[in-house]
Every structure is written in C-alpha cells, then in structure tokens.
C-alpha cells in the first residue's frame, strides 16, 4: 500500500515510472491523481472498520467481510468520481481554469460560455479537454 502526502490518501494501484540510474533501473510509484511520488506504508488500522491490525494483514483489512465491504465501497467511490469527471459542466469548468491560467484572464463561468467558448475552434477545444 502507498500513501500520497499531497492528496492525504492511501493508494492501492499507483502508476509506476521507471528511471535509469546508471547500471540499475529504478521504478518509483506515482500518485494517479497528482503524479507526485508515493511513500510505501503498512496500514496500522483496518480500512473498513478501523480496528487495530495485529497480525500480517498486509492489505489493510482485518477480515474477509471487511475486505469485501471495502472493495465494494472503493468501486462505488470510483464510479462516483468518474461521473463527476465526465460531467459536461465539470469539463467546461476545467476548460475555463486552463484558459484563464493560459491567457491570464479572470473570466467567470457565464462569461466564458457566452464569450469565449463559441469562438474557440474545434481543434482548440480539444486542447482544453472538451
């Protein structure tokens, strides 16, 4: 299990990046959200019920029931995050923040949709993730 110090969350499936350091090849774990390096950590408490882990529970769950419930909650949370990410309003807000950062403007959502978005060509929209 890995821990991201920026996102303040535990991550099971990080992205891995390999670097060549002389003769040895090093792989580092990266956070899938913020792409910062992760710290390897052993959980002290059950991720589902919060009981203190005593034995060799390396995956962070104290029992099979907690493991099953934890996986169910994790998949539900991933679906919820995916829905938010695919929402059209969220996509336009991401475009707006990228546009404002790139052009050093301070457009609001309404100003961006009415003034800038119709003028952007289709090719430029893809550059902003729309």
Protein backbone atom coordinates (compact mmCIF):
# COMPACT_ATOMS: atom_id res chain seq x y z
CA UNK A 1 0.00 0.00 0.00
CA UNK A 2 1.18 3.51 -0.78
CA UNK A 3 0.42 6.90 0.75
CA UNK A 4 0.30 10.25 -1.05
CA UNK A 5 1.38 13.14 1.16
CA UNK A 6 -0.24 15.76 -1.11
CA UNK A 7 -3.65 14.10 -1.56
CA UNK A 8 -3.61 12.66 2.01
CA UNK A 9 -4.92 9.29 0.89
CA UNK A 10 -3.85 5.67 0.63
CA UNK A 11 -3.49 4.25 -2.88
CA UNK A 12 -3.54 0.60 -3.86
CA UNK A 13 -2.88 0.84 -7.60
CA UNK A 14 -0.34 3.59 -8.30
CA UNK A 15 1.22 4.47 -11.61
CA UNK A 16 4.81 3.32 -11.92
CA UNK A 17 7.58 5.23 -13.67
CA UNK A 18 10.93 3.64 -14.41
CA UNK A 19 14.16 5.62 -14.39
CA UNK A 20 17.62 4.53 -15.44
CA UNK A 21 20.14 5.44 -12.77
CA UNK A 22 23.48 4.27 -14.08
CA UNK A 23 23.51 0.47 -14.26
CA UNK A 24 20.41 -0.03 -12.12
CA UNK A 25 16.86 0.59 -13.23
CA UNK A 26 14.67 2.19 -10.54
CA UNK A 27 10.89 2.26 -10.51
CA UNK A 28 9.03 4.84 -8.48
CA UNK A 29 5.36 4.80 -7.57
CA UNK A 30 3.38 7.88 -8.60
CA UNK A 31 0.01 9.09 -7.40
CA UNK A 32 -2.60 8.68 -10.19
CA UNK A 33 -4.23 11.98 -9.18
CA UNK A 34 -1.41 14.46 -8.58
CA UNK A 35 1.54 12.47 -10.08
CA UNK A 36 3.79 13.02 -7.05
CA UNK A 37 5.97 10.28 -5.60
CA UNK A 38 4.33 7.96 -3.09
CA UNK A 39 5.56 6.62 0.22
CA UNK A 40 5.33 2.89 0.93
CA UNK A 41 3.34 2.38 4.12
CA UNK A 42 1.99 -0.50 6.13
CA UNK A 43 -1.52 0.14 7.45
CA UNK A 44 -2.00 0.14 11.22
CA UNK A 45 -5.80 0.13 11.27
CA UNK A 46 -8.45 -1.66 9.22
CA UNK A 47 -9.50 0.48 6.29
CA UNK A 48 -13.15 -0.52 6.69
CA UNK A 49 -14.00 -0.78 10.39
CA UNK A 50 -10.98 0.95 11.99
CA UNK A 51 -9.87 -1.92 14.23
CA UNK A 52 -6.19 -2.08 15.10
CA UNK A 53 -4.36 -4.59 12.88
CA UNK A 54 -2.28 -7.06 14.88
CA UNK A 55 -1.17 -9.84 12.52
CA UNK A 56 0.15 -9.96 8.98
CA UNK A 57 -2.78 -8.19 7.32
CA UNK A 58 -0.80 -6.55 4.54
CA UNK A 59 -3.78 -5.42 2.51
CA UNK A 60 -5.22 -3.27 5.31
CA UNK A 61 -8.33 -5.27 6.23
CA UNK A 62 -8.92 -7.27 9.40
CA UNK A 63 -11.28 -9.89 7.95
CA UNK A 64 -12.78 -11.17 4.71
CA UNK A 65 -16.04 -9.38 5.44
CA UNK A 66 -14.23 -6.04 5.81
CA UNK A 67 -12.21 -6.76 2.67
CA UNK A 68 -15.37 -7.42 0.64
CA UNK A 69 -17.14 -4.35 2.01
CA UNK A 70 -14.05 -2.20 1.46
CA UNK A 71 -13.74 -3.25 -2.18
CA UNK A 72 -17.44 -2.53 -2.68
CA UNK A 73 -17.10 0.96 -1.19
CA UNK A 74 -13.95 1.63 -3.23
CA UNK A 75 -15.63 0.71 -6.53
CA UNK A 76 -18.65 2.86 -5.62
CA UNK A 77 -16.38 5.83 -4.91
CA UNK A 78 -14.50 5.35 -8.19
CA UNK A 79 -17.80 5.31 -10.11
CA UNK A 80 -18.88 8.50 -8.33
CA UNK A 81 -15.58 10.24 -9.18
CA UNK A 82 -15.80 9.08 -12.79
CA UNK A 83 -19.32 10.52 -13.10
CA UNK A 84 -18.14 13.85 -11.73
CA UNK A 85 -15.17 13.88 -14.09
CA UNK A 86 -17.36 13.11 -17.13
CA UNK A 87 -19.97 15.73 -16.26
CA UNK A 88 -20.22 18.39 -19.01
CA UNK A 89 -20.24 21.25 -16.53
CA UNK A 90 -17.11 19.92 -14.85
CA UNK A 91 -15.42 19.67 -18.26
CA UNK A 92 -16.29 23.29 -19.04
CA UNK A 93 -15.01 24.40 -15.62
CA UNK A 94 -11.70 22.60 -16.32
CA UNK A 95 -11.54 24.31 -19.71
CA UNK A 96 -12.24 27.64 -18.01
CA UNK A 97 -9.47 27.24 -15.44
CA UNK A 98 -6.96 26.18 -18.11
CA UNK A 99 -7.99 29.06 -20.36
CA UNK A 100 -7.77 31.61 -17.54
CA UNK A 101 -4.36 30.28 -16.48
CA UNK A 102 -3.01 30.26 -20.03
CA UNK A 103 -4.34 33.67 -21.09
CA UNK A 104 -4.05 35.33 -17.66
CA UNK A 105 -7.73 36.31 -17.62
CA UNK A 106 -10.40 36.14 -14.91
CA UNK A 107 -13.49 35.04 -16.80
CA UNK A 108 -16.36 33.62 -14.81
CA UNK A 109 -18.24 30.52 -15.96
CA UNK A 110 -21.01 32.57 -17.65
CA UNK A 111 -18.57 34.91 -19.35
CA UNK A 112 -16.51 32.01 -20.63
CA UNK A 113 -19.52 30.10 -22.00
CA UNK A 114 -21.05 33.14 -23.70
CA UNK A 115 -17.95 34.97 -24.92
CA UNK A 116 -15.04 32.57 -25.35
CA UNK A 117 -16.43 29.07 -25.88
CA UNK A 118 -18.31 29.82 -29.13
CA UNK A 119 -15.20 31.46 -30.61
CA UNK A 120 -12.89 28.58 -29.84
CA UNK A 121 -12.38 26.35 -32.83
CA UNK A 122 -12.97 22.63 -32.52
CA UNK A 123 -9.23 21.89 -32.55
CA UNK A 124 -8.58 24.36 -29.74
CA UNK A 125 -11.41 22.88 -27.64
CA UNK A 126 -9.65 19.53 -27.63
CA UNK A 127 -6.55 21.24 -26.30
CA UNK A 128 -8.63 22.33 -23.29
CA UNK A 129 -10.12 18.86 -22.79
CA UNK A 130 -13.56 19.41 -24.35
